[in-house]
PDB file of N, CA and C in Angstrom:
ATOM      1  N   MET A   1       0.846  -1.203   0.002  1.00  0.00           N
ATOM      2  CA  MET A   1      -0.085  -0.031   0.039  1.00  0.00           C
ATOM      3  C   MET A   1       0.975   1.225  -0.072  1.00  0.00           C
ATOM      4  N   GLY A   2       0.541   2.154  -0.893  1.00  0.00           N
ATOM      5  CA  GLY A   2       1.231   3.439  -0.943  1.00  0.00           C
ATOM      6  C   GLY A   2       1.113   4.447   0.387  1.00  0.00           C
ATOM      7  N   LYS A   3       2.320   5.117   0.538  1.00  0.00           N
ATOM      8  CA  LYS A   3       2.152   6.218   1.613  1.00  0.00           C
ATOM      9  C   LYS A   3       1.310   7.323   0.947  1.00  0.00           C
ATOM     10  N   THR A   4       0.293   7.854   1.899  1.00  0.00           N
ATOM     11  CA  THR A   4      -0.532   8.906   1.612  1.00  0.00           C
ATOM     12  C   THR A   4       0.259  10.188   1.900  1.00  0.00           C
ATOM     13  N   ILE A   5       0.342  11.115   0.942  1.00  0.00           N
ATOM     14  CA  ILE A   5       0.968  12.451   1.017  1.00  0.00           C
ATOM     15  C   ILE A   5      -0.033  13.622   1.440  1.00  0.00           C
ATOM     16  N   LYS A   6       0.190  14.026   2.667  1.00  0.00           N
ATOM     17  CA  LYS A   6      -0.627  15.071   3.013  1.00  0.00           C
ATOM     18  C   LYS A   6      -0.206  16.465   2.503  1.00  0.00           C
ATOM     19  N   GLN A   7      -1.325  17.157   1.768  1.00  0.00           N
ATOM     20  CA  GLN A   7      -1.049  18.346   1.184  1.00  0.00           C
ATOM     21  C   GLN A   7      -1.664  19.581   1.913  1.00  0.00           C
ATOM     22  N   VAL A   8      -0.917  20.764   2.134  1.00  0.00           N
ATOM     23  CA  VAL A   8      -1.335  21.972   2.699  1.00  0.00           C
ATOM     24  C   VAL A   8      -1.532  22.924   1.752  1.00  0.00           C
ATOM     25  N   PRO A   9      -2.593  23.728   1.711  1.00  0.00           N
ATOM     26  CA  PRO A   9      -2.978  24.648   0.762  1.00  0.00           C
ATOM     27  C   PRO A   9      -1.993  25.968   1.165  1.00  0.00           C
ATOM     28  N   ALA A  10      -1.711  26.874   0.053  1.00  0.00           N
ATOM     29  CA  ALA A  10      -0.852  28.078   0.303  1.00  0.00           C
ATOM     30  C   ALA A  10      -1.441  28.816   1.537  1.00  0.00           C
ATOM     31  N   ALA A  11      -2.630  29.152   1.638  1.00  0.00           N
ATOM     32  CA  ALA A  11      -3.274  30.040   2.656  1.00  0.00           C
ATOM     33  C   ALA A  11      -3.015  29.446   4.050  1.00  0.00           C
ATOM     34  N   ARG A  12      -2.900  28.082   4.137  1.00  0.00           N
ATOM     35  CA  ARG A  12      -2.635  27.496   5.571  1.00  0.00           C
ATOM     36  C   ARG A  12      -1.179  27.670   5.705  1.00  0.00           C
ATOM     37  N   ILE A  13      -0.529  27.386   4.594  1.00  0.00           N
ATOM     38  CA  ILE A  13       1.291  27.414   4.673  1.00  0.00           C
ATOM     39  C   ILE A  13       1.419  28.824   5.241  1.00  0.00           C
ATOM     40  N   ALA A  14       0.838  29.904   4.632  1.00  0.00           N
ATOM     41  CA  ALA A  14       1.190  31.239   4.992  1.00  0.00           C
ATOM     42  C   ALA A  14       1.022  31.521   6.608  1.00  0.00           C
ATOM     43  N   SER A  15      -0.281  30.819   7.018  1.00  0.00           N
ATOM     44  CA  SER A  15      -0.830  31.338   8.456  1.00  0.00           C
ATOM     45  C   SER A  15       0.384  30.433   9.284  1.00  0.00           C
ATOM     46  N   GLU A  16       0.617  29.154   9.096  1.00  0.00           N
ATOM     47  CA  GLU A  16       1.522  28.537   9.817  1.00  0.00           C
ATOM     48  C   GLU A  16       2.912  28.965   9.841  1.00  0.00           C
ATOM     49  N   LEU A  17       3.496  29.684   8.726  1.00  0.00           N
ATOM     50  CA  LEU A  17       4.924  30.039   8.827  1.00  0.00           C
ATOM     51  C   LEU A  17       5.073  31.347   9.113  1.00  0.00           C
ATOM     52  N   GLY A  18       3.923  32.258   9.097  1.00  0.00           N
ATOM     53  CA  GLY A  18       3.591  33.658   9.404  1.00  0.00           C
ATOM     54  C   GLY A  18       4.281  34.393   8.288  1.00  0.00           C
ATOM     55  N   VAL A  19       3.953  33.996   7.064  1.00  0.00           N
ATOM     56  CA  VAL A  19       4.519  34.933   5.831  1.00  0.00           C
ATOM     57  C   VAL A  19       3.020  35.142   5.147  1.00  0.00           C
ATOM     58  N   SER A  20       3.287  35.761   3.999  1.00  0.00           N
ATOM     59  CA  SER A  20       1.882  36.085   3.257  1.00  0.00           C
ATOM     60  C   SER A  20       1.959  34.906   2.305  1.00  0.00           C
ATOM     61  N   ARG A  21       0.460  34.884   1.721  1.00  0.00           N
ATOM     62  CA  ARG A  21       0.216  33.950   0.917  1.00  0.00           C
ATOM     63  C   ARG A  21       1.330  33.710  -0.441  1.00  0.00           C
ATOM     64  N   ASP A  22       1.483  35.043  -0.964  1.00  0.00           N
ATOM     65  CA  ASP A  22       2.401  35.078  -2.116  1.00  0.00           C
ATOM     66  C   ASP A  22       3.778  34.732  -1.818  1.00  0.00           C
ATOM     67  N   THR A  23       4.375  35.081  -0.449  1.00  0.00           N
ATOM     68  CA  THR A  23       5.548  34.323  -0.275  1.00  0.00           C
ATOM     69  C   THR A  23       5.324  32.885   0.087  1.00  0.00           C
ATOM     70  N   ALA A  24       4.461  32.259   0.649  1.00  0.00           N
ATOM     71  CA  ALA A  24       4.368  31.031   0.478  1.00  0.00           C
ATOM     72  C   ALA A  24       4.303  30.321  -1.067  1.00  0.00           C
ATOM     73  N   ILE A  25       3.679  30.998  -1.848  1.00  0.00           N
ATOM     74  CA  ILE A  25       3.633  30.350  -3.229  1.00  0.00           C
ATOM     75  C   ILE A  25       5.167  30.480  -3.928  1.00  0.00           C
ATOM     76  N   ARG A  26       5.608  31.691  -3.559  1.00  0.00           N
ATOM     77  CA  ARG A  26       7.254  31.867  -3.994  1.00  0.00           C
ATOM     78  C   ARG A  26       8.095  30.730  -3.600  1.00  0.00           C
ATOM     79  N   MET A  27       7.893  30.377  -2.315  1.00  0.00           N
ATOM     80  CA  MET A  27       8.614  29.227  -1.633  1.00  0.00           C
ATOM     81  C   MET A  27       8.429  28.047  -2.258  1.00  0.00           C
ATOM     82  N   ILE A  28       7.291  27.672  -2.856  1.00  0.00           N
ATOM     83  CA  ILE A  28       7.032  26.447  -3.516  1.00  0.00           C
ATOM     84  C   ILE A  28       7.696  26.539  -4.712  1.00  0.00           C
ATOM     85  N   GLN A  29       7.541  27.687  -5.597  1.00  0.00           N
ATOM     86  CA  GLN A  29       8.132  27.937  -6.891  1.00  0.00           C
ATOM     87  C   GLN A  29       9.766  27.651  -6.850  1.00  0.00           C
ATOM     88  N   ARG A  30      10.300  28.302  -5.721  1.00  0.00           N
ATOM     89  CA  ARG A  30      11.557  28.274  -5.669  1.00  0.00           C
ATOM     90  C   ARG A  30      12.351  26.800  -5.098  1.00  0.00           C
ATOM     91  N   GLY A  31      11.319  25.895  -4.738  1.00  0.00           N
ATOM     92  CA  GLY A  31      11.743  24.707  -4.308  1.00  0.00           C
ATOM     93  C   GLY A  31      12.031  24.605  -2.835  1.00  0.00           C
ATOM     94  N   GLU A  32      11.695  25.651  -2.073  1.00  0.00           N
ATOM     95  CA  GLU A  32      11.818  25.764  -0.666  1.00  0.00           C
ATOM     96  C   GLU A  32      10.955  24.684   0.018  1.00  0.00           C
ATOM     97  N   LEU A  33       9.692  24.836  -0.660  1.00  0.00           N
ATOM     98  CA  LEU A  33       8.931  23.830   0.017  1.00  0.00           C
ATOM     99  C   LEU A  33       8.423  22.770  -1.235  1.00  0.00           C
ATOM    100  N   GLU A  34       8.173  21.622  -0.955  1.00  0.00           N
ATOM    101  CA  GLU A  34       7.931  20.613  -1.939  1.00  0.00           C
ATOM    102  C   GLU A  34       6.545  20.741  -2.265  1.00  0.00           C
ATOM    103  N   GLY A  35       6.134  21.066  -3.368  1.00  0.00           N
ATOM    104  CA  GLY A  35       4.668  21.378  -3.655  1.00  0.00           C
ATOM    105  C   GLY A  35       4.519  21.439  -5.320  1.00  0.00           C
ATOM    106  N   GLU A  36       3.356  21.904  -5.579  1.00  0.00           N
ATOM    107  CA  GLU A  36       2.863  21.979  -6.868  1.00  0.00           C
ATOM    108  C   GLU A  36       1.576  22.631  -6.894  1.00  0.00           C
ATOM    109  N   GLN A  37       1.295  23.287  -8.137  1.00  0.00           N
ATOM    110  CA  GLN A  37       0.085  24.076  -8.369  1.00  0.00           C
ATOM    111  C   GLN A  37      -0.789  22.998  -9.087  1.00  0.00           C
ATOM    112  N   THR A  38      -1.940  23.103  -8.695  1.00  0.00           N
ATOM    113  CA  THR A  38      -3.116  22.175  -9.350  1.00  0.00           C
ATOM    114  C   THR A  38      -4.265  23.195  -9.926  1.00  0.00           C
ATOM    115  N   LEU A  39      -4.403  23.387 -11.290  1.00  0.00           N
ATOM    116  CA  LEU A  39      -5.427  24.219 -11.515  1.00  0.00           C
ATOM    117  C   LEU A  39      -4.902  25.682 -11.015  1.00  0.00           C
ATOM    118  N   THR A  40      -5.803  26.183 -10.211  1.00  0.00           N
ATOM    119  CA  THR A  40      -5.411  27.560  -9.671  1.00  0.00           C
ATOM    120  C   THR A  40      -4.956  27.429  -8.222  1.00  0.00           C
ATOM    121  N   ARG A  41      -4.801  26.261  -7.669  1.00  0.00           N
ATOM    122  CA  ARG A  41      -4.415  26.348  -6.273  1.00  0.00           C
ATOM    123  C   ARG A  41      -2.839  25.738  -6.117  1.00  0.00           C
ATOM    124  N   TRP A  42      -2.360  26.268  -5.075  1.00  0.00           N
ATOM    125  CA  TRP A  42      -0.939  25.877  -4.744  1.00  0.00           C
ATOM    126  C   TRP A  42      -0.889  25.055  -3.552  1.00  0.00           C
ATOM    127  N   TRP A  43      -0.237  23.894  -3.392  1.00  0.00           N
ATOM    128  CA  TRP A  43      -0.163  23.084  -2.272  1.00  0.00           C
ATOM    129  C   TRP A  43       1.365  22.648  -2.051  1.00  0.00           C
ATOM    130  N   ALA A  44       1.663  22.304  -0.904  1.00  0.00           N
ATOM    131  CA  ALA A  44       2.929  21.869  -0.525  1.00  0.00           C
ATOM    132  C   ALA A  44       2.638  20.729   0.451  1.00  0.00           C
ATOM    133  N   THR A  45       3.630  19.827   0.735  1.00  0.00           N
ATOM    134  CA  THR A  45       3.575  18.515   1.464  1.00  0.00           C
ATOM    135  C   THR A  45       3.693  19.086   2.905  1.00  0.00           C
ATOM    136  N   ARG A  46       2.987  18.178   3.720  1.00  0.00           N
ATOM    137  CA  ARG A  46       3.025  18.529   5.091  1.00  0.00           C
ATOM    138  C   ARG A  46       4.417  18.551   5.780  1.00  0.00           C
ATOM    139  N   GLU A  47       5.189  17.408   5.264  1.00  0.00           N
ATOM    140  CA  GLU A  47       6.382  17.148   5.697  1.00  0.00           C
ATOM    141  C   GLU A  47       7.254  18.425   5.547  1.00  0.00           C
ATOM    142  N   SER A  48       7.164  19.003   4.191  1.00  0.00           N
ATOM    143  CA  SER A  48       8.131  20.081   3.708  1.00  0.00           C
ATOM    144  C   SER A  48       7.764  21.489   4.601  1.00  0.00           C
ATOM    145  N   VAL A  49       6.363  21.655   5.016  1.00  0.00           N
ATOM    146  CA  VAL A  49       6.103  22.738   5.580  1.00  0.00           C
ATOM    147  C   VAL A  49       6.562  22.589   7.331  1.00  0.00           C
ATOM    148  N   ASP A  50       6.378  21.437   7.765  1.00  0.00           N
ATOM    149  CA  ASP A  50       6.886  21.411   8.957  1.00  0.00           C
ATOM    150  C   ASP A  50       8.287  21.563   9.104  1.00  0.00           C
ATOM    151  N   ARG A  51       9.126  21.001   8.019  1.00  0.00           N
ATOM    152  CA  ARG A  51      10.509  21.283   8.071  1.00  0.00           C
ATOM    153  C   ARG A  51      11.067  22.640   8.039  1.00  0.00           C
ATOM    154  N   VAL A  52      10.224  23.479   7.148  1.00  0.00           N
ATOM    155  CA  VAL A  52      10.682  24.868   7.113  1.00  0.00           C
ATOM    156  C   VAL A  52      10.014  25.481   8.129  1.00  0.00           C
ATOM    157  N   ARG A  53       9.020  25.410   8.870  1.00  0.00           N
ATOM    158  CA  ARG A  53       8.631  25.973   9.916  1.00  0.00           C
ATOM    159  C   ARG A  53       9.684  25.730  11.187  1.00  0.00           C
ATOM    160  N   ILE A  54      10.118  24.575  11.338  1.00  0.00           N
ATOM    161  CA  ILE A  54      11.271  24.370  12.295  1.00  0.00           C
ATOM    162  C   ILE A  54      12.408  25.273  12.107  1.00  0.00           C
ATOM    163  N   GLU A  55      12.878  25.461  10.801  1.00  0.00           N
ATOM    164  CA  GLU A  55      14.065  26.083  10.342  1.00  0.00           C
ATOM    165  C   GLU A  55      13.751  27.738  10.667  1.00  0.00           C
ATOM    166  N   LEU A  56      12.508  28.072  10.038  1.00  0.00           N
ATOM    167  CA  LEU A  56      12.407  29.527  10.540  1.00  0.00           C
ATOM    168  C   LEU A  56      12.155  29.768  12.128  1.00  0.00           C
ATOM    169  N   GLU A  57      11.643  29.018  12.764  1.00  0.00           N
ATOM    170  CA  GLU A  57      11.686  29.256  14.312  1.00  0.00           C
ATOM    171  C   GLU A  57      13.076  29.239  14.788  1.00  0.00           C
ATOM    172  N   ALA A  58      13.781  28.373  14.468  1.00  0.00           N
ATOM    173  CA  ALA A  58      15.284  28.501  14.761  1.00  0.00           C
ATOM    174  C   ALA A  58      15.950  29.700  14.399  1.00  0.00           C
ATOM    175  N   GLU A  59      15.810  30.189  13.085  1.00  0.00           N
ATOM    176  CA  GLU A  59      16.326  31.429  12.861  1.00  0.00           C
ATOM    177  C   GLU A  59      15.871  32.521  13.544  1.00  0.00           C
ATOM    178  N   ARG A  60      14.464  32.686  13.610  1.00  0.00           N
ATOM    179  CA  ARG A  60      13.947  33.731  14.762  1.00  0.00           C
ATOM    180  C   ARG A  60      14.488  33.644  15.987  1.00  0.00           C
ATOM    181  N   GLU A  61      14.609  32.469  16.577  1.00  0.00           N
ATOM    182  CA  GLU A  61      15.056  32.506  17.874  1.00  0.00           C
ATOM    183  C   GLU A  61      16.481  32.980  18.002  1.00  0.00           C
ATOM    184  N   ALA A  62      17.475  32.710  17.163  1.00  0.00           N
ATOM    185  CA  ALA A  62      18.835  33.097  16.864  1.00  0.00           C
ATOM    186  C   ALA A  62      18.701  34.550  16.794  1.00  0.00           C
ATOM    187  N   GLU A  63      17.949  35.158  16.021  1.00  0.00           N
ATOM    188  CA  GLU A  63      17.899  36.755  15.974  1.00  0.00           C
ATOM    189  C   GLU A  63      17.499  37.404  17.216  1.00  0.00           C
ATOM    190  N   ALA A  64      16.767  36.787  18.058  1.00  0.00           N
ATOM    191  CA  ALA A  64      16.271  37.328  19.066  1.00  0.00           C
ATOM    192  C   ALA A  64      17.228  37.450  20.279  1.00  0.00           C
ATOM    193  N   VAL A  65      18.286  36.543  20.222  1.00  0.00           N
ATOM    194  CA  VAL A  65      19.378  36.450  21.099  1.00  0.00           C
ATOM    195  C   VAL A  65      20.187  37.640  21.041  1.00  0.00           C
TER     196      VAL A  65
END
């Protein structure tokens, strides 16, 4: 049986990462998030969103020090 890939829409990505929807889409286009466009919607994998969220949190904590 294949592994189900959970996809997250761009608006939710933006909310979770604290960025704009346009920035979330650019992150997918640049390959920072693993995802794709289907018709008019942009999606990224849950795994890649979680990875980037952890990276961004670490960067923000480092800047706060």
